[in-house]
């Protein structure tokens, strides 16, 4: 009898994309990680998976979350905040407990590769927003002092929204977003504009908004917050992924459907709900 041992080294197309080294990506993770740009570089630039083997010592705060898309990259919790996970937080699956105090960032600069391309970007999050939270809460954001920068994604009890710029306001998708398990996302490119997505369905678009992402190299990208003092997310947070590609484009249709479908199946979420 022959035995096949499955290791990261068995998947050369994933070299350097999965961490920690001892983790073994499942079939869904391998397929998502293998999404490529036209030049065959990896499209997925950051992926936080809420499994215990990805948590460790951070660079800044007491909790570090190892990036599954880049071995050696660690997102750190803000100072004095220790990550707490609920083993049945979203659809019976493990999720980060966001109480309005914790967020994650990479120390000192933008994570390499995530915003290098100013012409295309996508981000998707699995979340459950608490109805007790007031106003809009950031799933992703950047702010230089009081000045908000793109890209962002916010969620309130009644809308999903993304900031388009100081002169363009925001794109919003109205609906009920409180106390619901959700896969939400934002896509952008200088050819297709901006879209918002909810549970596998496009819920808003701004096709005429094609301004490139501005240079934000000196501004820290945060997950579940926008600034050190800004309005932070309150609820449960599952997987989070960021790509250097517009996943709403036709050439990524099957990959987009797979990402959303895999997460909806994993977390027990109904498409279009």
Protein backbone atom coordinates (compact mmCIF):
# COMPACT_ATOMS: atom_id res chain seq x y z
CA UNK A 1 0.00 0.00 0.00
CA UNK A 2 1.31 3.45 -0.90
CA UNK A 3 0.80 6.40 1.43
CA UNK A 4 0.53 10.00 0.26
CA UNK A 5 1.62 12.62 2.75
CA UNK A 6 0.12 16.04 1.96
CA UNK A 7 2.40 18.95 2.81
CA UNK A 8 2.64 22.56 1.66
CA UNK A 9 5.70 21.52 -0.33
CA UNK A 10 3.46 19.32 -2.44
CA UNK A 11 1.78 22.43 -3.82
CA UNK A 12 4.52 24.53 -5.46
CA UNK A 13 1.91 26.96 -6.82
CA UNK A 14 1.19 27.87 -3.18
CA UNK A 15 4.81 28.43 -2.20
CA UNK A 16 5.05 31.27 0.27
CA UNK A 17 1.30 31.78 0.31
CA UNK A 18 0.29 29.72 3.31
CA UNK A 19 1.38 30.07 6.90
CA UNK A 20 2.08 28.89 9.44
CA UNK A 21 4.30 26.28 7.81
CA UNK A 22 2.81 23.45 9.87
CA UNK A 23 -0.71 24.08 8.56
CA UNK A 24 -2.09 21.92 5.76
CA UNK A 25 -4.48 23.81 3.47
CA UNK A 26 -7.75 22.05 2.74
CA UNK A 27 -9.16 21.77 -0.78
CA UNK A 28 -11.09 25.05 -0.58
CA UNK A 29 -8.06 26.94 0.72
CA UNK A 30 -5.84 25.52 -2.00
CA UNK A 31 -8.28 26.57 -4.72
CA UNK A 32 -8.74 30.09 -3.34
CA UNK A 33 -5.01 30.58 -2.81
CA UNK A 34 -4.29 29.52 -6.39
CA UNK A 35 -6.30 32.41 -7.92
CA UNK A 36 -3.81 34.24 -10.12
CA UNK A 37 -3.35 37.61 -11.77
CA UNK A 38 -2.68 37.80 -15.53
CA UNK A 39 1.07 37.74 -14.80
CA UNK A 40 0.49 34.55 -12.75
CA UNK A 41 1.27 36.23 -9.44
CA UNK A 42 -1.06 35.32 -6.60
CA UNK A 43 -4.21 37.46 -6.58
CA UNK A 44 -4.91 36.75 -2.90
CA UNK A 45 -2.60 39.04 -0.94
CA UNK A 46 -3.95 38.59 2.57
CA UNK A 47 -6.16 36.01 4.22
CA UNK A 48 -6.99 35.74 7.91
CA UNK A 49 -8.44 32.38 8.86
CA UNK A 50 -9.85 32.07 12.42
CA UNK A 51 -8.19 28.77 13.29
CA UNK A 52 -6.10 28.26 16.39
CA UNK A 53 -2.91 27.35 14.48
CA UNK A 54 -2.81 30.83 12.95
CA UNK A 55 -2.66 32.64 16.30
CA UNK A 56 0.61 33.46 18.04
CA UNK A 57 2.76 36.23 19.46
CA UNK A 58 2.20 39.60 17.76
CA UNK A 59 4.58 42.37 16.82
CA UNK A 60 2.68 45.13 18.67
CA UNK A 61 -0.21 43.84 20.72
CA UNK A 62 -0.46 40.67 22.78
CA UNK A 63 -2.19 38.74 19.98
CA UNK A 64 -0.75 37.99 16.56
CA UNK A 65 -2.71 36.54 13.65
CA UNK A 66 -0.57 34.84 11.04
CA UNK A 67 -1.56 35.66 7.49
CA UNK A 68 -2.45 32.51 5.56
CA UNK A 69 -1.58 34.18 2.25
CA UNK A 70 1.95 35.21 3.23
CA UNK A 71 4.18 33.11 5.44
CA UNK A 72 5.92 35.29 7.99
CA UNK A 73 3.38 38.10 7.90
CA UNK A 74 1.65 38.69 11.22
CA UNK A 75 -1.24 41.03 11.89
CA UNK A 76 -1.11 42.36 15.46
CA UNK A 77 -3.89 43.39 17.76
CA UNK A 78 -3.84 46.93 19.06
CA UNK A 79 -1.96 47.44 22.31
CA UNK A 80 -3.38 45.77 25.42
CA UNK A 81 -6.06 43.87 23.48
CA UNK A 82 -5.99 40.08 23.54
CA UNK A 83 -7.94 38.23 20.86
CA UNK A 84 -10.86 36.17 22.15
CA UNK A 85 -12.59 33.59 19.95
CA UNK A 86 -16.04 32.07 20.18
CA UNK A 87 -15.87 28.47 18.99
CA UNK A 88 -19.44 28.70 17.66
CA UNK A 89 -19.50 32.40 16.82
CA UNK A 90 -20.83 32.35 13.24
CA UNK A 91 -22.90 29.44 11.99
CA UNK A 92 -21.38 27.19 14.62
CA UNK A 93 -17.84 28.02 13.45
CA UNK A 94 -14.97 29.73 15.26
CA UNK A 95 -14.96 33.53 15.04
CA UNK A 96 -13.16 36.49 16.57
CA UNK A 97 -15.16 38.31 19.24
CA UNK A 98 -15.14 42.03 18.35
CA UNK A 99 -16.29 44.03 21.34
CA UNK A 100 -15.54 47.49 19.94
CA UNK A 101 -12.05 47.63 21.40
CA UNK A 102 -9.93 45.22 19.35
CA UNK A 103 -8.65 45.60 15.80
CA UNK A 104 -5.72 44.20 13.80
CA UNK A 105 -3.00 45.91 11.79
CA UNK A 106 0.52 45.33 10.58
CA UNK A 107 3.17 47.27 12.41
CA UNK A 108 4.41 50.48 10.84
CA UNK A 109 3.47 50.15 7.16
CA UNK A 110 1.13 48.67 4.63
CA UNK A 111 1.27 44.90 4.30
CA UNK A 112 3.36 44.11 1.26
CA UNK A 113 1.45 43.62 -1.95
CA UNK A 114 -2.10 44.32 -0.78
CA UNK A 115 -2.37 47.82 -2.25
CA UNK A 116 0.57 47.84 -4.65
CA UNK A 117 -1.81 47.86 -7.61
CA UNK A 118 -3.89 51.05 -7.47
CA UNK A 119 -6.17 49.91 -10.30
CA UNK A 120 -7.87 46.85 -8.78
CA UNK A 121 -8.82 45.58 -5.34
CA UNK A 122 -11.34 43.29 -3.62
CA UNK A 123 -12.02 42.44 0.01
CA UNK A 124 -14.47 39.99 1.54
CA UNK A 125 -15.43 39.36 5.17
CA UNK A 126 -17.53 36.85 7.08
CA UNK A 127 -19.26 38.72 9.89
CA UNK A 128 -22.18 38.89 12.28
CA UNK A 129 -22.88 42.47 13.40
CA UNK A 130 -24.40 42.93 16.84
CA UNK A 131 -27.68 44.82 16.92
CA UNK A 132 -26.52 46.55 20.10
CA UNK A 133 -23.85 48.48 18.18
CA UNK A 134 -24.71 52.01 17.10
CA UNK A 135 -23.92 53.66 13.77
CA UNK A 136 -21.62 52.36 11.04
CA UNK A 137 -18.76 50.11 12.05
CA UNK A 138 -15.58 49.48 10.06
CA UNK A 139 -14.71 46.06 8.72
CA UNK A 140 -11.69 47.58 6.96
CA UNK A 141 -10.38 51.10 6.81
CA UNK A 142 -7.57 53.61 6.76
CA UNK A 143 -7.43 57.06 8.23
CA UNK A 144 -4.64 59.62 8.37
CA UNK A 145 -5.72 61.60 11.37
CA UNK A 146 -9.29 62.70 10.62
CA UNK A 147 -8.91 62.09 6.88
CA UNK A 148 -10.41 58.84 5.66
CA UNK A 149 -8.62 57.04 2.80
CA UNK A 150 -9.72 54.35 0.36
CA UNK A 151 -10.40 51.47 0.43
CA UNK A 152 -12.94 51.02 3.22
CA UNK A 153 -15.88 48.80 4.08
CA UNK A 154 -18.43 49.68 6.72
CA UNK A 155 -21.54 48.00 8.07
CA UNK A 156 -24.44 49.45 10.05
CA UNK A 157 -27.73 47.89 11.13
CA UNK A 158 -29.33 49.11 7.89
CA UNK A 159 -26.57 49.46 5.27
CA UNK A 160 -23.32 48.18 3.84
CA UNK A 161 -21.16 50.99 2.47
CA UNK A 162 -17.78 51.94 1.07
CA UNK A 163 -16.10 55.35 0.96
CA UNK A 164 -15.50 56.68 -2.55
CA UNK A 165 -13.56 59.85 -1.74
CA UNK A 166 -14.07 63.29 -0.29
CA UNK A 167 -15.89 64.62 -3.38
CA UNK A 168 -17.85 61.45 -4.16
CA UNK A 169 -19.28 60.41 -0.81
CA UNK A 170 -20.04 56.73 -0.41
CA UNK A 171 -21.77 53.82 -2.11
CA UNK A 172 -24.41 52.18 0.04
CA UNK A 173 -26.56 49.06 -0.08
CA UNK A 174 -29.57 49.39 2.19
CA UNK A 175 -30.94 46.36 4.01
CA UNK A 176 -31.04 44.55 7.31
CA UNK A 177 -27.53 43.75 8.53
CA UNK A 178 -27.93 43.30 12.29
CA UNK A 179 -27.69 39.88 13.94
CA UNK A 180 -27.27 38.06 10.64
CA UNK A 181 -24.50 35.79 9.43
CA UNK A 182 -23.09 37.44 6.32
CA UNK A 183 -20.46 37.21 3.61
CA UNK A 184 -19.97 40.82 2.50
CA UNK A 185 -17.49 42.36 0.12
CA UNK A 186 -16.32 45.29 -1.97
CA UNK A 187 -14.70 45.14 -5.40
CA UNK A 188 -13.03 47.88 -7.42
CA UNK A 189 -11.18 48.48 -10.67
CA UNK A 190 -10.46 51.44 -12.89
CA UNK A 191 -12.41 49.72 -15.67
CA UNK A 192 -15.49 48.44 -13.81
CA UNK A 193 -15.88 50.86 -10.90
CA UNK A 194 -17.09 49.76 -7.45
CA UNK A 195 -19.51 47.06 -6.36
CA UNK A 196 -20.83 45.89 -3.00
CA UNK A 197 -21.81 42.27 -2.45
CA UNK A 198 -23.86 40.42 0.14
CA UNK A 199 -24.17 36.64 0.43
CA UNK A 200 -23.23 35.95 -3.17
CA UNK A 201 -25.26 38.73 -4.75
CA UNK A 202 -24.28 42.20 -5.99
CA UNK A 203 -26.33 44.72 -4.00
CA UNK A 204 -24.92 48.07 -5.20
CA UNK A 205 -22.60 49.43 -7.88
CA UNK A 206 -20.95 52.65 -9.01
CA UNK A 207 -19.58 51.79 -12.48
CA UNK A 208 -18.57 55.38 -13.22
CA UNK A 209 -16.31 55.63 -10.16
CA UNK A 210 -12.97 54.59 -11.65
CA UNK A 211 -10.48 56.84 -9.84
CA UNK A 212 -7.33 54.84 -8.94
CA UNK A 213 -6.64 54.12 -5.30
CA UNK A 214 -4.53 57.02 -4.00
CA UNK A 215 -1.06 56.53 -2.55
CA UNK A 216 -1.71 55.51 1.04
CA UNK A 217 1.70 54.05 1.84
CA UNK A 218 2.02 56.18 4.98
CA UNK A 219 -1.45 55.27 6.28
CA UNK A 220 -2.05 52.07 8.23
CA UNK A 221 -4.61 49.60 6.94
CA UNK A 222 -6.68 48.23 9.80
CA UNK A 223 -9.14 45.38 9.96
CA UNK A 224 -12.32 45.92 12.00
CA UNK A 225 -11.37 49.59 12.46
CA UNK A 226 -10.13 52.55 10.41
CA UNK A 227 -8.02 54.47 12.89
CA UNK A 228 -6.63 54.09 16.39
CA UNK A 229 -9.55 56.07 17.79
CA UNK A 230 -12.23 55.38 15.15
CA UNK A 231 -15.47 53.44 15.28
CA UNK A 232 -14.60 49.77 15.57
CA UNK A 233 -16.60 46.74 14.60
CA UNK A 234 -18.85 45.08 17.18
CA UNK A 235 -19.90 41.50 16.56
CA UNK A 236 -18.26 38.31 15.31
CA UNK A 237 -15.61 38.12 12.57
CA UNK A 238 -14.72 35.02 10.59
CA UNK A 239 -12.54 34.77 7.49
CA UNK A 240 -11.22 37.96 5.87
CA UNK A 241 -9.55 38.10 2.47
CA UNK A 242 -7.99 40.86 0.33
CA UNK A 243 -7.08 40.54 -3.33
CA UNK A 244 -5.17 42.63 -5.87
CA UNK A 245 -7.89 41.95 -8.45
CA UNK A 246 -11.43 43.03 -9.23
CA UNK A 247 -13.25 39.79 -8.53
CA UNK A 248 -16.43 41.16 -10.11
CA UNK A 249 -14.75 41.05 -13.55
CA UNK A 250 -15.97 38.31 -15.92
CA UNK A 251 -12.59 36.56 -15.95
CA UNK A 252 -12.89 35.98 -12.19
CA UNK A 253 -16.56 34.92 -12.20
CA UNK A 254 -15.90 31.29 -11.25
CA UNK A 255 -13.37 32.26 -8.57
CA UNK A 256 -15.73 34.80 -7.02
CA UNK A 257 -18.55 32.28 -7.00
CA UNK A 258 -16.25 29.73 -5.40
CA UNK A 259 -15.01 32.06 -2.61
CA UNK A 260 -18.51 33.19 -1.67
CA UNK A 261 -19.94 29.70 -2.08
CA UNK A 262 -17.23 28.02 -0.01
CA UNK A 263 -17.68 30.47 2.84
CA UNK A 264 -21.49 30.33 2.73
CA UNK A 265 -21.33 26.54 2.89
CA UNK A 266 -18.77 26.62 5.71
CA UNK A 267 -20.72 29.10 7.84
CA UNK A 268 -24.23 27.88 6.94
CA UNK A 269 -25.29 31.01 5.04
CA UNK A 270 -27.93 31.01 2.29
CA UNK A 271 -27.09 32.72 -1.01
CA UNK A 272 -29.09 35.91 -1.48
CA UNK A 273 -30.24 36.05 2.15
